Amino acid sequence: MTMATGLADAPLEVKARRFGFLRQAWTHRSDYLYVLPAIVVMLIVIAYPIYYTVELSFFNTPPSLQLRDKEFVGIDNYALILRSDVFWRVTANTFIWTLFSTVFAFILGLGSALALNHEFFGRGILRAILIIPWVISAVAASYIWKWIYHSDFGLVGAVLVGLGLAERPPNLIDSVGTVLPSLIVVNVWREFPFAMIMLTAGLQTVPDQLLRAAKVDGANAWQRFWHVTFPHLQGVSTVTILLLAVSNFNSFIIPWIMTGGGPSNASHIWITHIYELAFGRQRWGIASAYSVLLFLILMTLGYFYVRALSGSEKKERVV
């Protein structure tokens, strides 16, 4: 009898919660007026462009982008993308770019943070010097490195020839085989200070008492790092890696300014390829389909980022 009553009352409880939420929203309706301007701005700046991009991805649009002239093609744009050899090459470039940029920027940032975590003469000056790549404009950095890599007047080629390691300056960003690694070097150089700053902040949470106790127990430097320091960096490390991955996946300035996606699409990643399709070839439907796929991937990364933040907050509450 009790079980029957519980099953019968369950929908009523759900309705009560639903109407309770609506009643609370109506009771506090005046409070929503304060955030209404922000909501309107978000709908105009974020929601409508997303909707319009998704809509365009199902149409074949003319260069003029006249709504009355666009032709509905359904999922043909997505099918065309998946059948394209360029798509898979650009996708491979994107994942190679994102993976190696993220991993090496994190490793270099972690090493720098560990080195700067100790007191020594000139630490403040060295810390300021290491932050310069992150502070400098990405556009300026791209042009500087473009000249550094220049096959005729570049610093890298001059050093290699001067040391006898090469007979002539290499074409680092003009060669299909070396262009992507060369761009990854530039990207790592510019991003590792961000990882260094994040991990330096995380190192401040490591208790000195545990490090001293581990040292007294005979643990060497690697054992103290692996068993004491690194566990306290797991939360900030996860957040840093996800932020770097999202930033690299959506990176545009360095590959576009330095190579424009060339040579032969060897340095094209998703975001630069989308830009070229939309504003170079005026293929708005294909570019929108690419953008939708990129949006879904970034939303997935964003989901894991929020999960990582929530997990870190829960651990802090427990501690």
Protein backbone atom coordinates (compact mmCIF):
# COMPACT_ATOMS: atom_id res chain seq x y z
CA MET A 1 0.00 0.00 0.00
CA THR A 2 2.83 2.33 0.83
CA MET A 3 4.68 1.48 -2.39
CA ALA A 4 1.55 2.16 -4.46
CA THR A 5 1.03 5.48 -2.76
CA GLY A 6 4.70 6.42 -3.37
CA LEU A 7 4.48 5.59 -7.09
CA ALA A 8 1.28 7.59 -7.43
CA ASP A 9 2.72 10.58 -5.63
CA ALA A 10 6.02 10.65 -7.57
CA PRO A 11 4.66 12.59 -10.57
CA LEU A 12 3.01 15.02 -8.17
CA GLU A 13 6.37 15.68 -6.50
CA VAL A 14 7.98 16.33 -9.89
CA LYS A 15 5.19 18.74 -10.80
CA ALA A 16 5.50 20.41 -7.41
CA ARG A 17 9.23 20.96 -7.93
CA ARG A 18 8.60 22.27 -11.43
CA PHE A 19 5.91 24.68 -10.35
CA GLY A 20 7.97 25.58 -7.29
CA PHE A 21 10.82 26.67 -9.58
CA LEU A 22 8.45 28.66 -11.78
CA ARG A 23 6.88 30.22 -8.70
CA GLN A 24 10.30 31.27 -7.39
CA ALA A 25 11.25 32.67 -10.78
CA TRP A 26 8.02 34.67 -10.88
CA THR A 27 8.53 35.86 -7.30
CA HIS A 28 12.02 37.14 -8.14
CA ARG A 29 11.08 38.41 -11.61
CA SER A 30 12.24 41.91 -10.74
CA ASP A 31 15.76 40.59 -10.03
CA TYR A 32 16.07 39.34 -13.60
CA LEU A 33 15.69 42.88 -14.87
CA TYR A 34 19.21 43.63 -13.60
CA VAL A 35 20.76 40.90 -15.76
CA LEU A 36 18.40 41.38 -18.71
CA PRO A 37 20.79 43.72 -20.61
CA ALA A 38 23.60 41.18 -20.28
CA ILE A 39 21.28 38.38 -21.45
CA VAL A 40 20.21 40.42 -24.47
CA VAL A 41 23.82 41.17 -25.38
CA MET A 42 24.75 37.49 -25.06
CA LEU A 43 21.83 36.49 -27.27
CA ILE A 44 22.88 39.00 -29.94
CA VAL A 45 26.64 38.44 -29.78
CA ILE A 46 26.78 34.70 -29.03
CA ALA A 47 23.47 32.88 -29.52
CA TYR A 48 22.45 34.40 -32.86
CA PRO A 49 25.86 33.90 -34.59
CA ILE A 50 25.86 30.26 -33.44
CA TYR A 51 22.33 29.75 -34.78
CA TYR A 52 23.16 31.49 -38.06
CA THR A 53 26.34 29.44 -38.52
CA VAL A 54 24.44 26.19 -37.95
CA GLU A 55 21.78 27.33 -40.43
CA LEU A 56 24.33 28.23 -43.10
CA SER A 57 25.99 24.83 -42.74
CA PHE A 58 22.89 23.25 -44.36
CA PHE A 59 22.91 25.60 -47.36
CA ASN A 60 24.98 26.21 -50.44
CA THR A 61 25.50 29.97 -50.34
CA PRO A 62 26.62 32.27 -53.15
CA PRO A 63 29.55 34.66 -52.67
CA SER A 64 27.12 37.55 -52.20
CA LEU A 65 25.59 35.72 -49.19
CA GLN A 66 22.10 36.80 -50.18
CA LEU A 67 19.58 34.83 -48.13
CA ARG A 68 17.14 34.66 -51.02
CA ASP A 69 19.75 32.97 -53.23
CA LYS A 70 20.99 30.28 -50.88
CA GLU A 71 20.16 26.66 -51.75
CA PHE A 72 19.27 24.05 -49.14
CA VAL A 73 21.55 21.01 -49.44
CA GLY A 74 20.93 19.29 -46.10
CA ILE A 75 23.99 17.47 -44.77
CA ASP A 76 25.79 17.53 -48.12
CA ASN A 77 28.32 20.05 -46.82
CA TYR A 78 29.23 17.74 -43.95
CA ALA A 79 29.45 14.75 -46.31
CA LEU A 80 31.65 16.76 -48.68
CA ILE A 81 33.96 17.70 -45.82
CA LEU A 82 34.34 14.12 -44.60
CA ARG A 83 35.11 12.90 -48.14
CA SER A 84 37.74 15.57 -48.70
CA ASP A 85 41.42 14.64 -48.49
CA VAL A 86 42.20 18.22 -47.45
CA PHE A 87 39.92 17.84 -44.42
CA TRP A 88 41.81 14.83 -43.09
CA ARG A 89 45.16 16.50 -43.72
CA VAL A 90 44.04 19.67 -41.95
CA THR A 91 42.62 17.56 -39.12
CA ALA A 92 45.93 15.71 -38.73
CA ASN A 93 47.79 19.03 -38.73
CA THR A 94 45.40 20.40 -36.10
CA PHE A 95 45.83 17.48 -33.73
CA ILE A 96 49.62 17.42 -34.20
CA TRP A 97 49.74 21.18 -33.60
CA THR A 98 47.51 20.98 -30.53
CA LEU A 99 49.12 17.90 -28.99
CA PHE A 100 52.77 18.88 -29.32
CA SER A 101 52.20 22.55 -28.53
CA THR A 102 50.28 21.66 -25.39
CA VAL A 103 52.66 18.95 -24.17
CA PHE A 104 55.89 20.85 -24.74
CA ALA A 105 54.50 24.14 -23.41
CA PHE A 106 53.38 22.35 -20.25
CA ILE A 107 56.68 20.51 -19.77
CA LEU A 108 58.74 23.66 -20.33
CA GLY A 109 56.43 25.64 -18.07
CA LEU A 110 56.67 23.00 -15.35
CA GLY A 111 60.46 22.95 -15.53
CA SER A 112 60.62 26.74 -15.37
CA ALA A 113 58.20 26.85 -12.43
CA LEU A 114 60.23 24.28 -10.50
CA ALA A 115 63.45 26.15 -11.20
CA LEU A 116 62.01 29.50 -10.16
CA ASN A 117 60.45 28.03 -7.03
CA HIS A 118 63.86 28.14 -5.31
CA GLU A 119 65.52 31.26 -3.98
CA PHE A 120 68.59 32.42 -5.94
CA PHE A 121 70.19 35.68 -6.98
CA GLY A 122 68.43 37.30 -9.94
CA ARG A 123 65.29 35.17 -9.73
CA GLY A 124 63.00 38.18 -10.19
CA ILE A 125 64.88 39.34 -13.28
CA LEU A 126 64.84 35.85 -14.81
CA ARG A 127 61.12 35.50 -14.09
CA ALA A 128 60.45 38.82 -15.84
CA ILE A 129 62.50 37.74 -18.87
CA LEU A 130 60.66 34.42 -19.16
CA ILE A 131 57.28 36.16 -19.12
CA ILE A 132 58.18 38.35 -22.12
CA PRO A 133 57.09 35.80 -24.80
CA TRP A 134 53.61 35.64 -23.27
CA VAL A 135 53.29 39.40 -22.87
CA ILE A 136 54.46 40.34 -26.35
CA SER A 137 51.83 40.67 -29.08
CA ALA A 138 51.22 37.48 -31.04
CA VAL A 139 51.28 39.47 -34.28
CA ALA A 140 54.64 41.04 -33.45
CA ALA A 141 56.05 37.68 -32.35
CA SER A 142 54.90 36.05 -35.59
CA TYR A 143 56.65 38.64 -37.76
CA ILE A 144 59.82 38.46 -35.64
CA TRP A 145 59.99 34.68 -35.94
CA LYS A 146 59.17 34.88 -39.63
CA TRP A 147 62.37 36.89 -40.11
CA ILE A 148 64.31 34.59 -37.76
CA TYR A 149 63.30 31.64 -39.96
CA HIS A 150 63.92 33.52 -43.23
CA SER A 151 65.84 31.30 -45.65
CA ASP A 152 68.16 34.10 -46.81
CA PHE A 153 68.43 36.60 -43.95
CA GLY A 154 67.26 34.58 -40.95
CA LEU A 155 69.19 34.16 -37.71
CA VAL A 156 68.66 30.39 -37.54
CA GLY A 157 70.12 29.82 -41.00
CA ALA A 158 73.08 32.11 -40.32
CA VAL A 159 73.90 30.29 -37.06
CA LEU A 160 73.67 26.85 -38.67
CA VAL A 161 75.90 27.88 -41.55
CA GLY A 162 78.34 29.65 -39.22
CA LEU A 163 78.69 26.56 -37.02
CA GLY A 164 79.18 24.36 -40.07
CA LEU A 165 76.00 22.37 -39.41
CA ALA A 166 74.54 23.26 -42.80
CA GLU A 167 76.00 24.25 -46.14
CA ARG A 168 73.16 26.68 -46.85
CA PRO A 169 70.33 28.20 -44.78
CA PRO A 170 67.40 25.77 -44.51
CA ASN A 171 63.90 26.64 -45.72
CA LEU A 172 62.22 26.02 -42.40
CA ILE A 173 58.81 27.56 -43.11
CA ASP A 174 58.91 27.07 -46.88
CA SER A 175 59.28 23.30 -46.74
CA VAL A 176 56.40 20.87 -46.33
CA GLY A 177 58.38 18.67 -43.94
CA THR A 178 59.62 21.36 -41.55
CA VAL A 179 56.95 24.06 -41.56
CA LEU A 180 54.64 22.57 -38.90
CA PRO A 181 57.44 21.71 -36.40
CA SER A 182 58.86 25.20 -36.90
CA LEU A 183 55.50 26.78 -36.09
CA ILE A 184 55.09 24.53 -33.06
CA VAL A 185 58.44 25.81 -31.73
CA VAL A 186 57.16 29.39 -32.00
CA ASN A 187 53.88 28.51 -30.35
CA VAL A 188 55.59 26.69 -27.46
CA TRP A 189 57.97 29.63 -26.99
CA ARG A 190 55.01 31.98 -26.67
CA GLU A 191 52.77 29.80 -24.48
CA PHE A 192 55.08 28.17 -21.93
CA PRO A 193 55.13 31.31 -19.69
CA PHE A 194 51.39 30.87 -19.14
CA ALA A 195 51.95 27.31 -17.92
CA MET A 196 54.85 28.56 -15.81
CA ILE A 197 52.66 31.16 -14.08
CA MET A 198 49.83 28.68 -13.43
CA LEU A 199 52.16 26.00 -12.07
CA THR A 200 54.14 28.50 -9.98
CA ALA A 201 50.88 29.39 -8.27
CA GLY A 202 50.18 25.70 -7.75
CA LEU A 203 53.60 25.14 -6.18
CA GLN A 204 52.69 27.61 -3.45
CA THR A 205 50.11 25.10 -2.17
CA VAL A 206 52.68 22.35 -1.56
CA PRO A 207 53.29 22.14 2.22
CA ASP A 208 56.94 22.67 3.16
CA GLN A 209 56.48 20.31 6.11
CA LEU A 210 55.82 17.38 3.77
CA LEU A 211 58.87 18.18 1.65
CA ARG A 212 61.09 18.42 4.74
CA ALA A 213 59.69 15.19 6.15
CA ALA A 214 60.28 13.39 2.85
CA LYS A 215 63.84 14.71 2.75
CA VAL A 216 64.46 13.52 6.32
CA ASP A 217 63.12 10.08 5.37
CA GLY A 218 65.78 9.87 2.66
CA ALA A 219 63.70 10.68 -0.42
CA ASN A 220 65.73 12.11 -3.30
CA ALA A 221 64.68 15.10 -5.40
CA TRP A 222 62.75 13.00 -7.94
CA GLN A 223 60.91 11.05 -5.22
CA ARG A 224 59.97 14.27 -3.43
CA PHE A 225 58.64 15.71 -6.68
CA TRP A 226 56.71 12.61 -7.75
CA HIS A 227 55.22 11.63 -4.38
CA VAL A 228 54.77 15.04 -2.73
CA THR A 229 54.87 17.93 -5.20
CA PHE A 230 53.14 16.47 -8.24
CA PRO A 231 50.01 15.19 -6.39
CA HIS A 232 49.40 18.75 -5.19
CA LEU A 233 49.73 20.00 -8.80
CA GLN A 234 47.21 17.60 -10.35
CA GLY A 235 44.30 20.03 -10.20
CA VAL A 236 46.13 23.05 -11.59
CA SER A 237 47.92 20.82 -14.13
CA THR A 238 44.62 19.53 -15.51
CA VAL A 239 43.21 23.04 -15.80
CA THR A 240 46.41 24.33 -17.43
CA ILE A 241 46.54 21.50 -19.97
CA LEU A 242 42.89 21.97 -20.93
CA LEU A 243 43.29 25.74 -21.29
CA LEU A 244 46.38 25.25 -23.45
CA ALA A 245 44.59 22.64 -25.57
CA VAL A 246 41.57 24.89 -26.17
CA SER A 247 43.83 27.84 -26.98
CA ASN A 248 45.95 25.80 -29.39
CA PHE A 249 42.97 24.18 -31.06
CA ASN A 250 41.56 27.64 -31.71
CA SER A 251 44.92 29.29 -32.51
CA PHE A 252 44.99 31.47 -35.61
CA ILE A 253 47.54 34.29 -35.55
CA ILE A 254 50.87 32.44 -35.64
CA PRO A 255 50.14 29.93 -38.44
CA TRP A 256 48.20 32.44 -40.53
CA ILE A 257 50.71 35.29 -40.36
CA MET A 258 53.81 33.15 -40.72
CA THR A 259 52.68 30.82 -43.53
CA GLY A 260 49.02 31.43 -44.42
CA GLY A 261 48.51 27.67 -44.27
CA GLY A 262 51.19 26.88 -46.83
CA PRO A 263 53.08 25.40 -48.43
CA SER A 264 50.55 22.98 -49.97
CA ASN A 265 48.26 23.09 -46.91
CA ALA A 266 51.11 21.69 -44.79
CA SER A 267 50.52 24.22 -41.99
CA HIS A 268 46.76 24.67 -42.30
CA ILE A 269 44.86 23.93 -39.11
CA TRP A 270 41.11 24.04 -38.73
CA ILE A 271 40.72 27.67 -37.83
CA THR A 272 42.98 28.96 -40.63
CA HIS A 273 41.31 26.65 -43.15
CA ILE A 274 37.88 27.91 -42.09
CA TYR A 275 39.05 31.49 -42.53
CA GLU A 276 40.41 30.77 -45.99
CA LEU A 277 37.21 28.98 -47.07
CA ALA A 278 34.96 31.76 -45.79
CA PHE A 279 36.86 34.92 -46.64
CA GLY A 280 39.25 33.67 -49.30
CA ARG A 281 36.98 31.46 -51.41
CA GLN A 282 33.57 32.73 -50.16
CA ARG A 283 32.38 29.15 -49.56
CA TRP A 284 30.22 30.09 -46.61
CA GLY A 285 28.27 26.83 -46.36
CA ILE A 286 31.38 24.63 -46.19
CA ALA A 287 33.08 27.05 -43.78
CA SER A 288 29.99 27.02 -41.54
CA ALA A 289 29.97 23.22 -41.48
CA TYR A 290 33.63 23.26 -40.48
CA SER A 291 32.81 25.80 -37.78
CA VAL A 292 30.02 23.64 -36.37
CA LEU A 293 32.38 20.67 -36.09
CA LEU A 294 35.01 22.86 -34.44
CA PHE A 295 32.38 24.24 -32.06
CA LEU A 296 31.39 20.72 -30.97
CA ILE A 297 35.02 19.78 -30.30
CA LEU A 298 35.65 22.94 -28.30
CA MET A 299 32.43 22.41 -26.35
CA THR A 300 33.66 18.92 -25.46
CA LEU A 301 36.97 20.34 -24.22
CA GLY A 302 35.04 23.02 -22.34
CA TYR A 303 32.97 20.34 -20.64
CA PHE A 304 36.09 18.57 -19.36
CA TYR A 305 37.49 21.95 -18.29
CA VAL A 306 34.40 22.64 -16.16
CA ARG A 307 34.59 19.12 -14.75
CA ALA A 308 38.24 19.71 -13.84
CA LEU A 309 37.39 22.99 -12.11
CA SER A 310 34.52 21.37 -10.19
CA GLY A 311 36.78 18.53 -9.11
CA SER A 312 39.43 20.97 -7.87
CA GLU A 313 36.85 22.92 -5.87
CA LYS A 314 35.53 19.74 -4.26
CA LYS A 315 39.05 18.69 -3.24
CA GLU A 316 39.66 22.11 -1.71
CA ARG A 317 36.45 21.83 0.33
CA VAL A 318 37.47 18.37 1.58
CA VAL A 319 40.91 19.60 2.56
